[in-house]
Protein backbone atom coordinates (compact mmCIF):
# COMPACT_ATOMS: atom_id res chain seq x y z
CA MET A 1 -30.41 17.67 -27.97
CA PHE A 2 -27.44 16.63 -25.79
CA SER A 3 -26.91 18.28 -22.44
CA CYS A 4 -23.56 19.85 -21.60
CA ARG A 5 -22.97 17.32 -18.84
CA LEU A 6 -23.44 14.40 -21.28
CA LEU A 7 -21.06 16.00 -23.78
CA GLN A 8 -18.46 16.48 -21.04
CA ARG A 9 -18.68 12.82 -20.08
CA ILE A 10 -18.36 11.69 -23.71
CA TYR A 11 -15.35 13.98 -24.13
CA CYS A 12 -13.69 12.57 -20.98
CA ILE A 13 -14.30 8.99 -22.10
CA CYS A 14 -12.82 9.72 -25.55
CA LEU A 15 -9.82 11.41 -23.97
CA CYS A 16 -9.21 8.44 -21.66
CA LEU A 17 -9.51 5.95 -24.50
CA SER A 18 -7.07 7.99 -26.57
CA LEU A 19 -4.53 8.00 -23.76
CA VAL A 20 -4.89 4.26 -23.29
CA ALA A 21 -4.41 3.71 -27.02
CA LEU A 22 -1.32 5.93 -27.07
CA CYS A 23 0.47 4.21 -24.22
CA GLY A 24 -0.50 0.65 -25.11
CA CYS A 25 -1.53 -0.02 -21.51
CA HIS A 26 -4.63 -1.91 -22.60
CA GLN A 27 -2.59 -4.75 -24.10
CA PRO A 28 -1.01 -7.27 -21.74
CA GLY A 29 2.74 -7.50 -21.98
CA ILE A 30 3.14 -4.07 -23.56
CA GLN A 31 4.57 -1.31 -21.42
CA ALA A 32 3.76 2.32 -21.88
CA ASN A 33 6.18 4.20 -24.08
CA VAL A 34 6.46 7.21 -21.83
CA SER A 35 9.77 9.04 -21.62
CA ASN A 36 11.17 9.44 -18.17
CA SER A 37 13.19 12.52 -17.38
CA THR A 38 15.44 10.63 -14.97
CA ALA A 39 18.07 8.24 -16.21
CA PRO A 40 18.04 4.64 -14.97
CA VAL A 41 19.81 4.19 -11.66
CA GLN A 42 23.18 2.50 -11.88
CA THR A 43 23.61 0.12 -9.00
CA ALA A 44 26.80 -1.29 -7.61
CA PRO A 45 27.29 -5.00 -8.21
CA ALA A 46 26.88 -7.23 -5.19
CA GLN A 47 30.08 -7.78 -3.29
CA PRO A 48 31.60 -11.11 -4.29
CA GLY A 49 30.36 -13.85 -2.00
CA TYR A 50 27.94 -11.58 -0.12
CA PRO A 51 24.17 -11.71 -0.61
CA PRO A 52 22.08 -8.51 -0.72
CA LYS A 53 20.35 -9.67 2.51
CA ILE A 54 21.50 -11.37 5.70
CA THR A 55 19.40 -12.89 8.48
CA VAL A 56 19.69 -11.90 12.12
CA GLN A 57 20.79 -15.47 12.93
CA ASP A 58 23.69 -15.22 10.46
CA LEU A 59 24.74 -11.84 11.85
CA SER A 60 24.51 -13.12 15.43
CA GLN A 61 26.82 -16.03 14.59
CA ARG A 62 29.31 -13.66 13.00
CA ILE A 63 29.27 -11.43 16.09
CA GLU A 64 29.69 -14.45 18.43
CA VAL A 65 32.80 -15.73 16.63
CA GLY A 66 34.37 -12.26 16.47
CA ASP A 67 34.20 -12.01 12.68
CA ASP A 68 35.68 -8.66 11.66
CA SER A 69 35.04 -8.97 7.91
CA TYR A 70 31.88 -6.87 8.08
CA TRP A 71 30.87 -3.36 9.13
CA LEU A 72 27.38 -3.07 10.64
CA ILE A 73 25.84 0.37 10.06
CA ASP A 74 22.70 1.43 11.92
CA VAL A 75 20.77 3.98 9.80
CA ARG A 76 18.10 4.77 12.42
CA THR A 77 17.68 8.09 14.21
CA GLU A 78 19.67 9.13 17.27
CA ALA A 79 16.56 8.69 19.45
CA GLU A 80 16.08 5.09 18.24
CA VAL A 81 19.72 4.21 18.84
CA ALA A 82 19.42 5.57 22.39
CA ILE A 83 16.66 3.00 23.08
CA ALA A 84 18.53 -0.09 21.84
CA ARG A 85 21.30 -1.14 19.50
CA ILE A 86 22.86 -4.24 18.01
CA PRO A 87 26.40 -4.94 19.29
CA THR A 88 29.24 -3.84 16.99
CA SER A 89 27.03 -1.38 15.08
CA THR A 90 28.11 2.08 13.99
CA HIS A 91 25.46 4.79 13.83
CA ILE A 92 25.23 6.68 10.52
CA PRO A 93 21.71 8.12 10.07
CA ILE A 94 19.98 7.57 6.74
CA ALA A 95 19.63 11.35 6.37
CA GLN A 96 23.44 11.62 6.11
CA ILE A 97 23.53 8.79 3.58
CA ALA A 98 20.67 10.25 1.53
CA ASP A 99 22.18 13.75 1.38
CA GLY A 100 25.61 12.29 0.54
CA SER A 101 27.44 13.73 3.55
CA ALA A 102 28.37 10.27 4.89
CA ILE A 103 29.56 8.76 1.60
CA LYS A 104 33.18 9.88 2.01
CA GLN A 105 33.29 8.54 5.58
CA ILE A 106 31.83 5.20 4.50
CA ARG A 107 34.30 4.88 1.63
CA SER A 108 37.29 5.71 3.83
CA GLU A 109 36.34 3.49 6.78
CA ARG A 110 34.98 0.50 4.84
CA GLY A 111 38.25 -1.04 3.79
CA ASP A 112 37.48 -4.43 2.25
CA ARG A 113 34.75 -5.24 4.78
CA GLN A 114 31.22 -6.22 3.85
CA ILE A 115 28.83 -3.40 4.74
CA ILE A 116 25.67 -4.57 6.49
CA LEU A 117 22.94 -1.96 6.95
CA HIS A 118 20.12 -2.13 9.47
CA CYS A 119 17.23 -0.03 10.76
CA TYR A 120 14.02 -0.82 12.66
CA SER A 121 12.46 -3.27 10.20
CA GLY A 122 14.48 -3.11 6.98
CA VAL A 123 12.70 -0.36 5.03
CA ARG A 124 15.08 2.53 5.69
CA SER A 125 18.13 0.32 5.34
CA ARG A 126 16.90 -0.78 1.90
CA ARG A 127 16.53 2.90 1.01
CA ALA A 128 20.07 3.55 2.30
CA GLN A 129 21.23 0.55 0.26
CA LYS A 130 19.89 2.23 -2.90
CA HIS A 131 21.62 5.53 -2.09
CA LEU A 132 24.92 3.77 -1.48
CA ALA A 133 24.53 1.69 -4.65
CA GLN A 134 24.14 4.93 -6.61
CA ALA A 135 27.46 6.00 -5.08
CA GLY A 136 29.02 2.70 -6.20
CA ILE A 137 29.07 1.12 -2.73
CA ALA A 138 27.66 -2.40 -2.51
CA THR A 139 25.93 -3.35 0.73
CA THR A 140 23.96 -6.09 2.46
CA ASN A 141 20.67 -5.45 4.28
CA LEU A 142 19.83 -7.03 7.65
CA LYS A 143 16.50 -8.73 7.04
CA GLY A 144 13.90 -7.52 9.55
CA GLY A 145 16.23 -5.01 11.24
CA ILE A 146 16.49 -4.56 14.99
CA LYS A 147 12.84 -5.59 15.33
CA ALA A 148 13.76 -9.11 14.13
CA TRP A 149 16.96 -8.98 16.23
CA ARG A 150 14.92 -8.35 19.39
CA LYS A 151 12.39 -11.04 18.53
CA GLN A 152 14.81 -13.79 17.47
CA ILE A 153 18.17 -13.01 19.10
CA ASP A 154 17.91 -10.66 22.08
CA PRO A 155 14.48 -10.54 23.75
CA SER A 156 16.01 -8.52 26.61
CA LEU A 157 15.83 -5.42 24.40
CA PRO A 158 12.88 -3.13 25.13
CA LYS A 159 9.61 -4.11 23.45
CA LYS A 160 9.13 -0.53 22.31
CA LEU A 161 12.05 0.17 19.99
CA LEU A 162 10.64 3.36 18.52
CA PRO A 163 10.52 6.69 20.40
């Protein structure tokens, strides 16, 4: 006679195998056919001639020559900006981009300039990039953020860039 515990394990194994068979996950190259309640995200096309990422060296050169064809937006918190900032940057926190309250401002002030986003290391600015792409605004991300800027361009900035 089977114990209840053994029957429960057999039932769980059968259930798992059934789920694997239904989604096709056990076969390489076949993706699960699971409906997703959210529609695919429409992203803005990259701005002509501008890559989705820029290095701190490239940005530094643009600042040095007085290039005004870009708009550098710092998406960090107010406390982080108080510690250190990259010259020419405008502070628009990611929270305002994520909730949509800064979209109108960004559209009106952008003009035909390339928008370059930056944060501490590049994670939040990539997130901001996705929010802006959903709003139809193409952007470029500063690779490595202000952390890379301090390390490669301006070592006079404080070592501790986070509050």
